[in-house]
Amino acid sequence: MGQHSERPGQTGAGADSAAPEAVNDEEATSPRPADERGERDHSLSDFVRRAVSAGVGVAARSKDDIMRAAAGEMRAWLEHLNLDDELAKVLTKLVVEVKTEIRFRPKEDGKLVPEATSDYKVKPG
């Protein structure tokens, strides 16, 4: 593993100069050129951007589907709801007690002014 090995079909002197050479364990590796790293970073960030975009698209479609289903269920429930009967059921189970006092007080000019106070209680029937 630590020795230099040639690829099949290549010779030491006639090897393509653009092909990477194997590195010994003792040899120091140089950093990749900036343009090669930029391509790799760009392709990775492009991949991440596309993956996130696809995920957001799926989430938006899922949300739309859920909202459409919920709206359909709510519409069906409201269409079958008989509001008159439901209000009648609620009101028959309640007792509303209202107490109102109206007093007429004379003003300095002789006119009567009404003063009203009211109190109410709602009790379960």
N, C-alpha and C. Protein backbone atom coordinates (compact mmCIF):
# COMPACT_ATOMS: atom_id res chain seq x y z
N MET A 1 0.80 -1.17 0.00
CA MET A 1 0.00 0.00 0.00
C MET A 1 0.86 1.25 0.00
N GLY A 2 1.98 1.20 0.65
CA GLY A 2 2.86 2.33 0.74
C GLY A 2 3.73 2.49 -0.48
N GLN A 3 3.70 1.56 -1.46
CA GLN A 3 4.54 1.65 -2.64
C GLN A 3 3.76 2.24 -3.79
N HIS A 4 4.53 2.83 -4.73
CA HIS A 4 3.94 3.42 -5.93
C HIS A 4 3.51 2.31 -6.86
N SER A 5 2.27 2.33 -7.31
CA SER A 5 1.79 1.31 -8.23
C SER A 5 1.27 2.00 -9.48
N GLU A 6 1.49 1.39 -10.61
CA GLU A 6 1.02 1.95 -11.87
C GLU A 6 -0.31 1.33 -12.23
N ARG A 7 -1.10 2.07 -12.95
CA ARG A 7 -2.37 1.55 -13.43
C ARG A 7 -2.13 0.65 -14.61
N PRO A 8 -2.99 -0.33 -14.85
CA PRO A 8 -2.81 -1.20 -16.00
C PRO A 8 -2.87 -0.38 -17.28
N GLY A 9 -1.99 -0.69 -18.23
CA GLY A 9 -1.97 0.01 -19.50
C GLY A 9 -1.10 1.24 -19.47
N GLN A 10 -0.52 1.60 -18.31
CA GLN A 10 0.34 2.76 -18.21
C GLN A 10 1.76 2.30 -17.95
N THR A 11 2.66 3.03 -18.51
CA THR A 11 4.06 2.76 -18.19
C THR A 11 4.58 3.95 -17.45
N GLY A 12 5.67 3.78 -16.75
CA GLY A 12 6.23 4.86 -15.94
C GLY A 12 6.59 6.06 -16.78
N ALA A 13 7.25 5.88 -17.93
CA ALA A 13 7.69 7.01 -18.73
C ALA A 13 6.58 7.51 -19.63
N GLY A 14 5.69 6.64 -20.13
CA GLY A 14 4.67 7.04 -21.08
C GLY A 14 3.34 7.32 -20.43
N ALA A 15 3.26 7.45 -19.11
CA ALA A 15 1.99 7.68 -18.43
C ALA A 15 1.48 9.07 -18.73
N ASP A 16 0.18 9.21 -18.78
CA ASP A 16 -0.45 10.50 -19.03
C ASP A 16 -0.11 11.44 -17.88
N SER A 17 0.37 12.63 -18.18
CA SER A 17 0.82 13.54 -17.13
C SER A 17 -0.35 14.12 -16.34
N ALA A 18 -1.56 14.08 -16.88
CA ALA A 18 -2.72 14.63 -16.17
C ALA A 18 -3.30 13.64 -15.16
N ALA A 19 -2.95 12.38 -15.24
CA ALA A 19 -3.47 11.38 -14.32
C ALA A 19 -2.80 11.53 -12.97
N PRO A 20 -3.55 11.42 -11.87
CA PRO A 20 -2.95 11.56 -10.54
C PRO A 20 -2.06 10.37 -10.23
N GLU A 21 -1.01 10.64 -9.51
CA GLU A 21 -0.09 9.59 -9.11
C GLU A 21 -0.45 9.13 -7.71
N ALA A 22 -0.13 7.88 -7.42
CA ALA A 22 -0.35 7.36 -6.08
C ALA A 22 0.63 8.03 -5.14
N VAL A 23 0.23 8.20 -3.88
CA VAL A 23 1.06 8.88 -2.90
C VAL A 23 1.50 7.89 -1.86
N ASN A 24 2.79 7.93 -1.54
CA ASN A 24 3.31 7.10 -0.46
C ASN A 24 2.85 7.68 0.86
N ASP A 25 2.86 6.84 1.88
CA ASP A 25 2.46 7.29 3.21
C ASP A 25 3.39 8.38 3.71
N GLU A 26 4.68 8.33 3.31
CA GLU A 26 5.66 9.28 3.79
C GLU A 26 5.57 10.61 3.06
N GLU A 27 5.01 10.64 1.85
CA GLU A 27 4.97 11.87 1.07
C GLU A 27 3.90 12.81 1.61
N ALA A 28 4.22 14.10 1.61
CA ALA A 28 3.25 15.10 2.04
C ALA A 28 2.30 15.39 0.89
N THR A 29 1.08 15.54 1.20
CA THR A 29 0.10 15.85 0.15
C THR A 29 -0.08 17.35 0.10
N SER A 30 -0.18 17.88 -1.09
CA SER A 30 -0.41 19.32 -1.23
C SER A 30 -1.91 19.55 -1.33
N PRO A 31 -2.37 20.71 -0.90
CA PRO A 31 -3.80 20.99 -1.01
C PRO A 31 -4.20 21.07 -2.47
N ARG A 32 -5.46 20.79 -2.73
CA ARG A 32 -5.97 20.85 -4.09
C ARG A 32 -5.98 22.29 -4.56
N PRO A 33 -5.85 22.49 -5.85
CA PRO A 33 -5.95 23.86 -6.36
C PRO A 33 -7.30 24.46 -6.02
N ALA A 34 -7.32 25.78 -5.89
CA ALA A 34 -8.54 26.48 -5.46
C ALA A 34 -9.69 26.25 -6.42
N ASP A 35 -9.39 26.19 -7.74
CA ASP A 35 -10.49 26.01 -8.69
C ASP A 35 -11.12 24.64 -8.58
N GLU A 36 -10.34 23.60 -8.26
CA GLU A 36 -10.90 22.25 -8.10
C GLU A 36 -11.76 22.18 -6.84
N ARG A 37 -11.26 22.80 -5.73
CA ARG A 37 -12.06 22.83 -4.50
C ARG A 37 -13.35 23.61 -4.73
N GLY A 38 -13.27 24.72 -5.45
CA GLY A 38 -14.45 25.54 -5.73
C GLY A 38 -15.49 24.76 -6.50
N GLU A 39 -15.05 23.96 -7.48
CA GLU A 39 -16.01 23.15 -8.23
C GLU A 39 -16.68 22.14 -7.31
N ARG A 40 -15.87 21.50 -6.47
CA ARG A 40 -16.43 20.50 -5.56
C ARG A 40 -17.38 21.16 -4.57
N ASP A 41 -16.97 22.32 -3.98
CA ASP A 41 -17.84 23.02 -3.04
C ASP A 41 -19.10 23.51 -3.75
N HIS A 42 -18.93 23.98 -4.97
CA HIS A 42 -20.09 24.47 -5.72
C HIS A 42 -21.06 23.33 -6.01
N SER A 43 -20.53 22.19 -6.41
CA SER A 43 -21.42 21.07 -6.72
C SER A 43 -22.10 20.56 -5.45
N LEU A 44 -21.38 20.58 -4.33
CA LEU A 44 -21.97 20.14 -3.07
C LEU A 44 -23.04 21.14 -2.62
N SER A 45 -22.73 22.44 -2.69
CA SER A 45 -23.73 23.42 -2.28
C SER A 45 -24.92 23.41 -3.23
N ASP A 46 -24.66 23.17 -4.52
CA ASP A 46 -25.75 23.06 -5.48
C ASP A 46 -26.63 21.86 -5.16
N PHE A 47 -25.99 20.75 -4.77
CA PHE A 47 -26.74 19.54 -4.39
C PHE A 47 -27.59 19.81 -3.15
N VAL A 48 -26.98 20.46 -2.16
CA VAL A 48 -27.71 20.77 -0.92
C VAL A 48 -28.87 21.72 -1.22
N ARG A 49 -28.62 22.74 -2.05
CA ARG A 49 -29.66 23.69 -2.41
C ARG A 49 -30.82 22.98 -3.11
N ARG A 50 -30.49 22.09 -4.05
CA ARG A 50 -31.55 21.37 -4.76
C ARG A 50 -32.30 20.43 -3.82
N ALA A 51 -31.58 19.79 -2.90
CA ALA A 51 -32.24 18.88 -1.95
C ALA A 51 -33.18 19.64 -1.03
N VAL A 52 -32.72 20.79 -0.52
CA VAL A 52 -33.56 21.59 0.37
C VAL A 52 -34.76 22.12 -0.41
N SER A 53 -34.52 22.56 -1.64
CA SER A 53 -35.62 23.07 -2.47
C SER A 53 -36.66 21.98 -2.72
N ALA A 54 -36.19 20.77 -3.00
CA ALA A 54 -37.13 19.67 -3.21
C ALA A 54 -37.90 19.36 -1.93
N GLY A 55 -37.21 19.39 -0.78
CA GLY A 55 -37.88 19.13 0.49
C GLY A 55 -38.92 20.19 0.81
N VAL A 56 -38.59 21.45 0.55
CA VAL A 56 -39.55 22.53 0.78
C VAL A 56 -40.74 22.38 -0.15
N GLY A 57 -40.49 22.00 -1.40
CA GLY A 57 -41.59 21.80 -2.34
C GLY A 57 -42.52 20.71 -1.90
N VAL A 58 -41.95 19.61 -1.44
CA VAL A 58 -42.78 18.48 -0.95
C VAL A 58 -43.57 18.90 0.27
N ALA A 59 -42.92 19.65 1.18
CA ALA A 59 -43.62 20.10 2.39
C ALA A 59 -44.78 21.04 2.03
N ALA A 60 -44.55 21.93 1.07
CA ALA A 60 -45.60 22.87 0.66
C ALA A 60 -46.77 22.12 0.03
N ARG A 61 -46.46 21.15 -0.81
CA ARG A 61 -47.55 20.37 -1.43
C ARG A 61 -48.29 19.57 -0.36
N SER A 62 -47.57 19.02 0.61
CA SER A 62 -48.21 18.26 1.69
C SER A 62 -49.12 19.17 2.50
N LYS A 63 -48.62 20.37 2.82
CA LYS A 63 -49.43 21.33 3.58
C LYS A 63 -50.69 21.68 2.80
N ASP A 64 -50.54 21.93 1.50
CA ASP A 64 -51.70 22.25 0.67
C ASP A 64 -52.70 21.10 0.65
N ASP A 65 -52.20 19.88 0.55
CA ASP A 65 -53.09 18.71 0.55
C ASP A 65 -53.82 18.57 1.87
N ILE A 66 -53.11 18.78 2.98
CA ILE A 66 -53.73 18.68 4.31
C ILE A 66 -54.79 19.76 4.48
N MET A 67 -54.45 20.99 4.06
CA MET A 67 -55.42 22.08 4.18
C MET A 67 -56.64 21.84 3.30
N ARG A 68 -56.43 21.31 2.11
CA ARG A 68 -57.55 21.01 1.21
C ARG A 68 -58.46 19.95 1.85
N ALA A 69 -57.86 18.91 2.43
CA ALA A 69 -58.65 17.86 3.07
C ALA A 69 -59.39 18.40 4.28
N ALA A 70 -58.71 19.23 5.09
CA ALA A 70 -59.35 19.80 6.28
C ALA A 70 -60.50 20.73 5.88
N ALA A 71 -60.29 21.52 4.83
CA ALA A 71 -61.36 22.41 4.37
C ALA A 71 -62.56 21.62 3.87
N GLY A 72 -62.30 20.53 3.18
CA GLY A 72 -63.40 19.68 2.71
C GLY A 72 -64.18 19.08 3.86
N GLU A 73 -63.47 18.61 4.88
CA GLU A 73 -64.15 18.04 6.05
C GLU A 73 -64.95 19.10 6.79
N MET A 74 -64.38 20.30 6.94
CA MET A 74 -65.08 21.38 7.63
C MET A 74 -66.33 21.79 6.85
N ARG A 75 -66.21 21.87 5.53
CA ARG A 75 -67.36 22.22 4.69
C ARG A 75 -68.46 21.18 4.84
N ALA A 76 -68.09 19.90 4.80
CA ALA A 76 -69.09 18.84 4.94
C ALA A 76 -69.76 18.91 6.32
N TRP A 77 -69.00 19.19 7.35
CA TRP A 77 -69.55 19.28 8.71
C TRP A 77 -70.51 20.45 8.81
N LEU A 78 -70.11 21.61 8.24
CA LEU A 78 -70.98 22.78 8.31
C LEU A 78 -72.25 22.60 7.48
N GLU A 79 -72.15 21.89 6.36
CA GLU A 79 -73.33 21.65 5.55
C GLU A 79 -74.34 20.78 6.27
N HIS A 80 -73.87 19.85 7.08
CA HIS A 80 -74.77 18.95 7.80
C HIS A 80 -75.18 19.48 9.17
N LEU A 81 -74.59 20.58 9.58
CA LEU A 81 -74.90 21.17 10.88
C LEU A 81 -76.21 21.94 10.78
N ASN A 82 -77.13 21.63 11.67
CA ASN A 82 -78.39 22.36 11.73
C ASN A 82 -78.27 23.34 12.89
N LEU A 83 -77.87 24.55 12.57
CA LEU A 83 -77.56 25.54 13.59
C LEU A 83 -78.77 25.91 14.43
N ASP A 84 -79.96 25.96 13.84
CA ASP A 84 -81.17 26.28 14.59
C ASP A 84 -81.40 25.28 15.72
N ASP A 85 -81.31 24.01 15.40
CA ASP A 85 -81.53 22.97 16.42
C ASP A 85 -80.45 23.01 17.50
N GLU A 86 -79.23 23.23 17.10
CA GLU A 86 -78.12 23.27 18.06
C GLU A 86 -78.28 24.44 19.02
N LEU A 87 -78.65 25.61 18.50
CA LEU A 87 -78.88 26.76 19.39
C LEU A 87 -80.06 26.52 20.31
N ALA A 88 -81.10 25.91 19.80
CA ALA A 88 -82.27 25.61 20.63
C ALA A 88 -81.89 24.66 21.77
N LYS A 89 -81.05 23.66 21.48
CA LYS A 89 -80.60 22.73 22.53
C LYS A 89 -79.82 23.47 23.61
N VAL A 90 -78.95 24.37 23.19
CA VAL A 90 -78.13 25.11 24.16
C VAL A 90 -79.00 26.03 25.01
N LEU A 91 -79.91 26.74 24.37
CA LEU A 91 -80.73 27.70 25.10
C LEU A 91 -81.72 27.02 26.05
N THR A 92 -82.20 25.82 25.73
CA THR A 92 -83.13 25.14 26.63
C THR A 92 -82.43 24.65 27.88
N LYS A 93 -81.12 24.59 27.84
CA LYS A 93 -80.37 24.13 29.01
C LYS A 93 -79.87 25.27 29.87
N LEU A 94 -80.21 26.51 29.50
CA LEU A 94 -79.76 27.68 30.26
C LEU A 94 -80.93 28.43 30.85
N VAL A 95 -80.66 29.07 31.98
CA VAL A 95 -81.60 30.00 32.59
C VAL A 95 -80.89 31.35 32.62
N VAL A 96 -81.51 32.34 32.00
CA VAL A 96 -80.93 33.68 31.99
C VAL A 96 -81.79 34.54 32.90
N GLU A 97 -81.17 35.09 33.93
CA GLU A 97 -81.89 35.93 34.88
C GLU A 97 -81.38 37.36 34.69
N VAL A 98 -82.30 38.27 34.40
CA VAL A 98 -81.94 39.66 34.17
C VAL A 98 -82.69 40.51 35.19
N LYS A 99 -81.95 41.37 35.88
CA LYS A 99 -82.55 42.28 36.86
C LYS A 99 -82.18 43.69 36.42
N THR A 100 -83.19 44.51 36.16
CA THR A 100 -82.96 45.88 35.71
C THR A 100 -83.70 46.84 36.62
N GLU A 101 -83.04 47.91 37.00
CA GLU A 101 -83.68 48.97 37.80
C GLU A 101 -83.56 50.27 37.00
N ILE A 102 -84.69 50.95 36.88
CA ILE A 102 -84.68 52.24 36.20
C ILE A 102 -85.24 53.26 37.19
N ARG A 103 -84.46 54.29 37.44
CA ARG A 103 -84.88 55.36 38.35
C ARG A 103 -84.87 56.68 37.58
N PHE A 104 -85.87 57.48 37.88
CA PHE A 104 -85.94 58.80 37.26
C PHE A 104 -85.57 59.83 38.30
N ARG A 105 -84.58 60.63 37.99
CA ARG A 105 -84.12 61.67 38.91
C ARG A 105 -84.36 63.04 38.25
N PRO A 106 -84.83 63.95 39.03
CA PRO A 106 -85.03 65.30 38.47
C PRO A 106 -83.71 66.07 38.39
N LYS A 107 -83.53 66.79 37.28
CA LYS A 107 -82.36 67.65 37.14
C LYS A 107 -82.68 69.02 37.72
N GLU A 108 -81.73 69.89 37.73
CA GLU A 108 -81.94 71.24 38.29
C GLU A 108 -82.95 72.04 37.48
N ASP A 109 -83.03 71.74 36.17
CA ASP A 109 -83.98 72.48 35.34
C ASP A 109 -85.37 71.85 35.36
N GLY A 110 -85.58 70.78 36.14
CA GLY A 110 -86.90 70.19 36.30
C GLY A 110 -87.14 68.98 35.41
N LYS A 111 -86.28 68.68 34.46
CA LYS A 111 -86.48 67.53 33.60
C LYS A 111 -86.07 66.26 34.34
N LEU A 112 -86.77 65.16 33.99
CA LEU A 112 -86.44 63.87 34.59
C LEU A 112 -85.39 63.16 33.72
N VAL A 113 -84.42 62.60 34.39
CA VAL A 113 -83.34 61.87 33.71
C VAL A 113 -83.38 60.43 34.21
N PRO A 114 -83.46 59.46 33.29
CA PRO A 114 -83.47 58.07 33.74
C PRO A 114 -82.05 57.59 34.10
N GLU A 115 -81.96 56.81 35.15
CA GLU A 115 -80.72 56.13 35.54
C GLU A 115 -81.05 54.64 35.55
N ALA A 116 -80.29 53.88 34.79
CA ALA A 116 -80.57 52.44 34.70
C ALA A 116 -79.37 51.66 35.21
N THR A 117 -79.66 50.63 35.97
CA THR A 117 -78.65 49.67 36.39
C THR A 117 -79.19 48.29 36.07
N SER A 118 -78.31 47.43 35.66
CA SER A 118 -78.78 46.08 35.35
C SER A 118 -77.75 45.07 35.82
N ASP A 119 -78.25 43.91 36.05
CA ASP A 119 -77.43 42.79 36.49
C ASP A 119 -77.99 41.54 35.82
N TYR A 120 -77.13 40.65 35.44
CA TYR A 120 -77.62 39.41 34.85
C TYR A 120 -76.80 38.23 35.34
N LYS A 121 -77.44 37.08 35.32
CA LYS A 121 -76.79 35.83 35.72
C LYS A 121 -77.20 34.76 34.72
N VAL A 122 -76.27 33.93 34.39
CA VAL A 122 -76.57 32.78 33.53
C VAL A 122 -76.34 31.54 34.37
N LYS A 123 -77.38 30.74 34.47
CA LYS A 123 -77.32 29.54 35.28
C LYS A 123 -77.58 28.33 34.41
N PRO A 124 -76.91 27.23 34.68
CA PRO A 124 -77.25 26.01 33.95
C PRO A 124 -78.65 25.55 34.34
N GLY A 125 -79.38 25.06 33.36
CA GLY A 125 -80.76 24.65 33.59
C GLY A 125 -80.79 23.33 34.18
